[in-house]
Each structure stands twice: as C-alpha cells, then as structure tokens.
N, C-alpha and C. Protein backbone atom coordinates (compact mmCIF):
# COMPACT_ATOMS: atom_id res chain seq x y z
N UNK A 1 0.85 -1.18 0.00
CA UNK A 1 0.00 0.00 0.00
C UNK A 1 0.89 1.24 0.00
N UNK A 2 0.50 2.24 -0.72
CA UNK A 2 1.30 3.47 -0.82
C UNK A 2 1.03 4.39 0.36
N UNK A 3 1.92 5.35 0.52
CA UNK A 3 1.77 6.35 1.57
C UNK A 3 0.45 7.09 1.41
N UNK A 4 -0.07 7.60 2.50
CA UNK A 4 -1.27 8.44 2.48
C UNK A 4 -0.83 9.89 2.42
N UNK A 5 -1.12 10.55 1.30
CA UNK A 5 -0.65 11.91 1.07
C UNK A 5 -1.75 12.92 1.40
N UNK A 6 -1.57 13.63 2.51
CA UNK A 6 -2.51 14.67 2.91
C UNK A 6 -1.98 16.06 2.57
N UNK A 7 -0.83 16.12 1.88
CA UNK A 7 -0.17 17.41 1.64
C UNK A 7 -1.00 18.35 0.78
N UNK A 8 -1.89 17.83 -0.05
CA UNK A 8 -2.72 18.67 -0.90
C UNK A 8 -4.04 19.08 -0.28
N UNK A 9 -4.29 18.63 0.95
CA UNK A 9 -5.55 18.95 1.63
C UNK A 9 -5.57 20.41 2.06
N UNK A 10 -6.65 21.08 1.76
CA UNK A 10 -6.82 22.48 2.18
C UNK A 10 -7.31 22.53 3.62
N UNK A 11 -6.98 23.61 4.31
CA UNK A 11 -7.45 23.81 5.68
C UNK A 11 -8.92 24.21 5.64
N UNK A 12 -9.83 23.42 6.22
CA UNK A 12 -11.24 23.80 6.25
C UNK A 12 -11.46 25.06 7.09
N UNK A 13 -12.55 25.73 6.84
CA UNK A 13 -12.87 26.98 7.54
C UNK A 13 -12.96 26.79 9.06
N UNK A 14 -13.27 25.60 9.51
CA UNK A 14 -13.39 25.35 10.96
C UNK A 14 -12.03 25.31 11.65
N UNK A 15 -10.93 25.29 10.89
CA UNK A 15 -9.60 25.35 11.48
C UNK A 15 -8.94 24.02 11.76
N UNK A 16 -9.58 22.90 11.41
CA UNK A 16 -8.96 21.59 11.57
C UNK A 16 -9.49 20.64 10.52
N UNK A 17 -8.73 19.58 10.28
CA UNK A 17 -9.08 18.56 9.28
C UNK A 17 -8.98 17.20 9.95
N UNK A 18 -9.97 16.35 9.75
CA UNK A 18 -9.91 14.98 10.26
C UNK A 18 -9.90 14.01 9.09
N UNK A 19 -9.09 12.95 9.21
CA UNK A 19 -8.98 11.92 8.18
C UNK A 19 -8.85 10.55 8.83
N UNK A 20 -9.46 9.56 8.21
CA UNK A 20 -9.30 8.17 8.62
C UNK A 20 -8.31 7.55 7.64
N UNK A 21 -7.21 7.05 8.17
CA UNK A 21 -6.13 6.50 7.35
C UNK A 21 -6.06 4.99 7.59
N UNK A 22 -6.13 4.22 6.53
CA UNK A 22 -6.00 2.77 6.63
C UNK A 22 -4.54 2.43 6.90
N UNK A 23 -4.29 1.72 7.99
CA UNK A 23 -2.93 1.31 8.32
C UNK A 23 -2.61 -0.01 7.62
N UNK A 24 -1.37 -0.44 7.73
CA UNK A 24 -0.93 -1.67 7.07
C UNK A 24 -1.74 -2.86 7.58
N UNK A 25 -1.97 -3.83 6.72
CA UNK A 25 -2.74 -5.02 7.10
C UNK A 25 -1.99 -5.89 8.10
N UNK A 26 -0.69 -5.67 8.22
CA UNK A 26 0.14 -6.42 9.16
C UNK A 26 0.39 -5.56 10.40
N UNK A 27 0.14 -6.13 11.57
CA UNK A 27 0.37 -5.40 12.82
C UNK A 27 1.82 -4.94 12.91
N UNK A 28 2.01 -3.75 13.46
CA UNK A 28 3.32 -3.15 13.69
C UNK A 28 4.08 -2.75 12.44
N UNK A 29 3.43 -2.76 11.28
CA UNK A 29 4.04 -2.23 10.07
C UNK A 29 3.61 -0.78 9.89
N UNK A 30 4.54 0.05 9.44
CA UNK A 30 4.32 1.49 9.35
C UNK A 30 3.51 1.90 8.13
N UNK A 31 2.70 2.93 8.30
CA UNK A 31 2.03 3.61 7.18
C UNK A 31 2.56 5.03 7.19
N UNK A 32 3.10 5.47 6.06
CA UNK A 32 3.58 6.84 5.94
C UNK A 32 2.40 7.77 5.70
N UNK A 33 2.34 8.86 6.45
CA UNK A 33 1.32 9.89 6.28
C UNK A 33 2.04 11.20 6.00
N UNK A 34 1.83 11.76 4.81
CA UNK A 34 2.49 13.00 4.42
C UNK A 34 1.60 14.16 4.84
N UNK A 35 2.16 15.07 5.64
CA UNK A 35 1.40 16.17 6.22
C UNK A 35 1.38 17.40 5.32
N UNK A 36 0.30 18.18 5.37
CA UNK A 36 0.27 19.45 4.64
C UNK A 36 1.15 20.49 5.33
N UNK A 37 1.59 21.50 4.57
CA UNK A 37 2.45 22.56 5.11
C UNK A 37 1.80 23.30 6.27
N UNK A 38 0.49 23.48 6.24
CA UNK A 38 -0.19 24.31 7.24
C UNK A 38 -0.39 23.60 8.58
N UNK A 39 -0.22 22.29 8.64
CA UNK A 39 -0.48 21.55 9.89
C UNK A 39 0.55 21.91 10.95
N UNK A 40 0.09 22.38 12.10
CA UNK A 40 0.97 22.74 13.21
C UNK A 40 0.71 21.90 14.47
N UNK A 41 -0.42 21.24 14.53
CA UNK A 41 -0.73 20.34 15.64
C UNK A 41 -1.32 19.08 15.03
N UNK A 42 -0.82 17.93 15.46
CA UNK A 42 -1.25 16.64 14.92
C UNK A 42 -1.72 15.77 16.07
N UNK A 43 -2.89 15.15 15.91
CA UNK A 43 -3.40 14.18 16.88
C UNK A 43 -3.64 12.87 16.14
N UNK A 44 -3.25 11.75 16.76
CA UNK A 44 -3.42 10.43 16.14
C UNK A 44 -4.02 9.48 17.16
N UNK A 45 -5.06 8.79 16.76
CA UNK A 45 -5.70 7.74 17.54
C UNK A 45 -5.75 6.49 16.67
N UNK A 46 -5.42 5.33 17.21
CA UNK A 46 -5.52 4.08 16.47
C UNK A 46 -6.79 3.34 16.88
N UNK A 47 -7.53 2.85 15.89
CA UNK A 47 -8.77 2.13 16.15
C UNK A 47 -8.85 0.91 15.23
N UNK A 48 -9.65 -0.08 15.64
CA UNK A 48 -9.89 -1.22 14.76
C UNK A 48 -11.10 -0.93 13.88
N UNK A 49 -11.54 -1.91 13.12
CA UNK A 49 -12.67 -1.72 12.20
C UNK A 49 -13.98 -1.39 12.89
N UNK A 50 -14.08 -1.67 14.19
CA UNK A 50 -15.29 -1.35 14.96
C UNK A 50 -15.12 -0.06 15.75
N UNK A 51 -14.06 0.68 15.47
CA UNK A 51 -13.72 1.94 16.15
C UNK A 51 -13.40 1.76 17.63
N UNK A 52 -12.90 0.59 17.98
CA UNK A 52 -12.42 0.34 19.34
C UNK A 52 -10.96 0.78 19.40
N UNK A 53 -10.61 1.56 20.42
CA UNK A 53 -9.25 2.09 20.55
C UNK A 53 -8.22 0.96 20.59
N UNK A 54 -7.12 1.19 19.90
CA UNK A 54 -6.00 0.26 19.85
C UNK A 54 -4.72 0.99 20.23
N UNK A 55 -3.71 0.26 20.62
CA UNK A 55 -2.41 0.85 20.87
C UNK A 55 -1.66 0.97 19.55
N UNK A 56 -0.74 1.92 19.48
CA UNK A 56 0.00 2.10 18.25
C UNK A 56 1.38 2.65 18.50
N UNK A 57 2.04 3.03 17.41
CA UNK A 57 3.39 3.60 17.49
C UNK A 57 3.51 4.70 16.45
N UNK A 58 4.34 5.70 16.77
CA UNK A 58 4.56 6.85 15.91
C UNK A 58 6.07 7.04 15.75
N UNK A 59 6.52 7.24 14.50
CA UNK A 59 7.93 7.48 14.23
C UNK A 59 8.07 8.66 13.28
N UNK A 60 9.22 9.33 13.35
CA UNK A 60 9.47 10.47 12.46
C UNK A 60 10.17 10.04 11.19
N UNK A 61 10.59 8.78 11.12
CA UNK A 61 11.20 8.26 9.90
C UNK A 61 10.86 6.79 9.79
N UNK A 62 10.99 6.26 8.60
CA UNK A 62 10.69 4.86 8.39
C UNK A 62 10.45 4.56 6.93
N UNK A 63 9.86 3.40 6.68
CA UNK A 63 9.54 2.96 5.33
C UNK A 63 8.10 2.47 5.32
N UNK A 64 7.30 3.02 4.42
CA UNK A 64 5.90 2.62 4.31
C UNK A 64 5.82 1.11 4.04
N UNK A 65 5.02 0.41 4.83
CA UNK A 65 4.81 -1.02 4.65
C UNK A 65 5.82 -1.91 5.35
N UNK A 66 6.84 -1.31 5.97
CA UNK A 66 7.86 -2.08 6.69
C UNK A 66 7.63 -1.98 8.19
N UNK A 67 8.33 -2.79 8.94
CA UNK A 67 8.23 -2.75 10.40
C UNK A 67 8.52 -1.34 10.91
N UNK A 68 7.81 -0.92 11.95
CA UNK A 68 7.97 0.43 12.51
C UNK A 68 9.39 0.64 13.02
N UNK A 69 10.12 -0.40 13.28
CA UNK A 69 11.51 -0.27 13.73
C UNK A 69 11.61 -0.10 15.23
N UNK A 70 12.71 0.53 15.68
CA UNK A 70 12.97 0.65 17.12
C UNK A 70 12.87 2.07 17.64
N UNK A 71 12.88 3.07 16.76
CA UNK A 71 12.84 4.47 17.19
C UNK A 71 11.45 5.04 17.02
N UNK A 72 10.59 4.79 18.00
CA UNK A 72 9.20 5.22 17.91
C UNK A 72 8.69 5.63 19.29
N UNK A 73 7.56 6.32 19.26
CA UNK A 73 6.88 6.76 20.48
C UNK A 73 5.55 6.01 20.56
N UNK A 74 5.18 5.46 21.72
CA UNK A 74 3.91 4.74 21.81
C UNK A 74 2.71 5.68 21.68
N UNK A 75 1.70 5.19 20.99
CA UNK A 75 0.41 5.89 20.91
C UNK A 75 -0.53 5.15 21.87
N UNK A 76 -0.87 5.76 23.00
CA UNK A 76 -1.77 5.09 23.96
C UNK A 76 -3.20 5.05 23.42
N UNK A 77 -4.04 4.29 24.07
CA UNK A 77 -5.45 4.19 23.64
C UNK A 77 -6.13 5.56 23.63
N UNK A 78 -5.66 6.48 24.46
CA UNK A 78 -6.25 7.83 24.52
C UNK A 78 -5.74 8.73 23.39
N UNK A 79 -4.83 8.23 22.56
CA UNK A 79 -4.31 9.01 21.45
C UNK A 79 -3.08 9.81 21.84
N UNK A 80 -2.53 10.51 20.86
CA UNK A 80 -1.32 11.28 21.04
C UNK A 80 -1.44 12.58 20.26
N UNK A 81 -1.09 13.71 20.88
CA UNK A 81 -1.13 15.01 20.22
C UNK A 81 0.21 15.69 20.42
N UNK A 82 0.71 16.33 19.39
CA UNK A 82 1.95 17.09 19.51
C UNK A 82 1.93 18.27 18.56
N UNK A 83 2.82 19.22 18.84
CA UNK A 83 2.94 20.43 18.04
C UNK A 83 4.06 20.24 17.04
N UNK A 84 3.82 20.64 15.79
CA UNK A 84 4.81 20.55 14.73
C UNK A 84 5.33 21.96 14.47
N UNK A 85 6.62 22.15 14.51
CA UNK A 85 7.17 23.49 14.33
C UNK A 85 7.19 23.90 12.86
N UNK A 86 7.08 25.19 12.66
CA UNK A 86 7.18 25.72 11.30
C UNK A 86 8.61 25.56 10.79
N UNK A 87 8.79 25.63 9.48
CA UNK A 87 10.12 25.57 8.91
C UNK A 87 10.62 24.17 8.62
N UNK A 88 9.73 23.18 8.73
CA UNK A 88 10.16 21.84 8.38
C UNK A 88 10.21 21.70 6.87
N UNK A 89 10.56 20.54 6.37
CA UNK A 89 10.78 20.36 4.93
C UNK A 89 9.54 20.69 4.10
N UNK A 90 9.75 21.05 2.85
CA UNK A 90 8.66 21.36 1.94
C UNK A 90 7.73 20.16 1.82
N UNK A 91 6.43 20.42 1.76
CA UNK A 91 5.45 19.36 1.65
C UNK A 91 4.93 18.91 2.99
N UNK A 92 5.44 19.50 4.05
CA UNK A 92 4.92 19.20 5.38
C UNK A 92 5.60 18.06 6.09
N UNK A 93 6.41 17.29 5.40
CA UNK A 93 7.09 16.17 6.05
C UNK A 93 6.16 14.98 6.23
N UNK A 94 6.70 13.91 6.78
CA UNK A 94 5.95 12.67 6.96
C UNK A 94 6.04 12.19 8.40
N UNK A 95 5.00 11.47 8.79
CA UNK A 95 5.03 10.70 10.02
C UNK A 95 4.75 9.25 9.65
N UNK A 96 5.13 8.33 10.51
CA UNK A 96 4.92 6.91 10.26
C UNK A 96 4.16 6.35 11.45
N UNK A 97 3.02 5.71 11.17
CA UNK A 97 2.11 5.24 12.21
C UNK A 97 1.86 3.74 12.01
N UNK A 98 1.85 3.01 13.12
CA UNK A 98 1.47 1.59 13.07
C UNK A 98 0.55 1.30 14.25
N UNK A 99 -0.15 0.18 14.16
CA UNK A 99 -1.02 -0.28 15.26
C UNK A 99 -0.59 -1.68 15.66
N UNK A 100 -0.85 -2.02 16.92
CA UNK A 100 -0.48 -3.35 17.41
C UNK A 100 -1.45 -4.42 16.94
N UNK A 101 -2.55 -4.02 16.33
CA UNK A 101 -3.56 -4.94 15.81
C UNK A 101 -3.60 -4.82 14.29
N UNK A 102 -3.63 -5.94 13.59
CA UNK A 102 -3.67 -5.93 12.13
C UNK A 102 -4.96 -5.28 11.62
N UNK A 103 -4.88 -4.71 10.43
CA UNK A 103 -6.03 -4.11 9.73
C UNK A 103 -6.72 -3.03 10.57
N UNK A 104 -5.93 -2.16 11.14
CA UNK A 104 -6.47 -1.05 11.94
C UNK A 104 -6.45 0.24 11.14
N UNK A 105 -6.91 1.30 11.78
CA UNK A 105 -6.98 2.62 11.16
C UNK A 105 -6.37 3.65 12.10
N UNK A 106 -5.91 4.75 11.51
CA UNK A 106 -5.46 5.89 12.31
C UNK A 106 -6.48 7.01 12.07
N UNK A 107 -7.03 7.52 13.13
CA UNK A 107 -7.89 8.70 13.05
C UNK A 107 -6.95 9.89 13.29
N UNK A 108 -6.79 10.72 12.28
CA UNK A 108 -5.82 11.81 12.33
C UNK A 108 -6.55 13.14 12.32
N UNK A 109 -6.15 14.04 13.21
CA UNK A 109 -6.67 15.41 13.21
C UNK A 109 -5.51 16.36 13.05
N UNK A 110 -5.62 17.25 12.06
CA UNK A 110 -4.60 18.26 11.80
C UNK A 110 -5.19 19.63 12.10
N UNK A 111 -4.42 20.45 12.83
CA UNK A 111 -4.85 21.79 13.18
C UNK A 111 -3.80 22.80 12.76
N UNK A 112 -4.25 24.02 12.46
CA UNK A 112 -3.32 25.07 12.10
C UNK A 112 -2.78 25.77 13.34
N UNK A 113 -3.53 25.85 14.39
CA UNK A 113 -3.27 26.55 15.66
C UNK A 113 -3.57 27.97 15.47
C-alpha cells in the first residue's frame, strides 16, 4: 500500500481537518502519512474496524509497509497530540504510524493553531 498523502488537503474553515487512514494489514508495520504545510498540531488515535481504541506507534522516519523499527513513540489508547514546528521540509514532512492490531486505522486530526 502506498503512503497516504494529505499534503494537498486544504485547511477547512473550521480550522482543523480529520482523516481516517488505513494502516498496514500487518500489525506493527508502518504507514507513511504525508502532512500538509499548514499543519501545526497533529493528533493520532488508532482504532480497529469497529472503532475500538488500539495501541500504536509513531515514528518520524521509516519505510511505508515495513516494520515500525525501534525508534518510535507509543500511541496510547487515549491518542497522542503534539505540536509541529514551522520551517520543516517542503510538503509538510511525513510521520509513520502503526497499530499493534492488524487491519487497523489511524484517526488523524490536523490543526493550524
């Protein structure tokens, strides 16, 4: 499966964007999510097909479809939110997300602040 490219998404008038991203069919494999330039706050929640919260992992580098590796931050069932600083690479940069359960989803919220 290819990376999920959100870089072309416009900022809605409400000031945030939500997207459901299909994660890799194999547990603990990374899905690359390309962020838009305007995103300054990112929230990620992992859920299964029934929208039940799952544990996950977040990395700042990796390979789409490969194991998340060893340099990652846990995504608790309550989700994870962080601030992204301005001046990062063109196109908004990428994050890599995996879930501990196969065939899960990432519920992503992007805010401009």
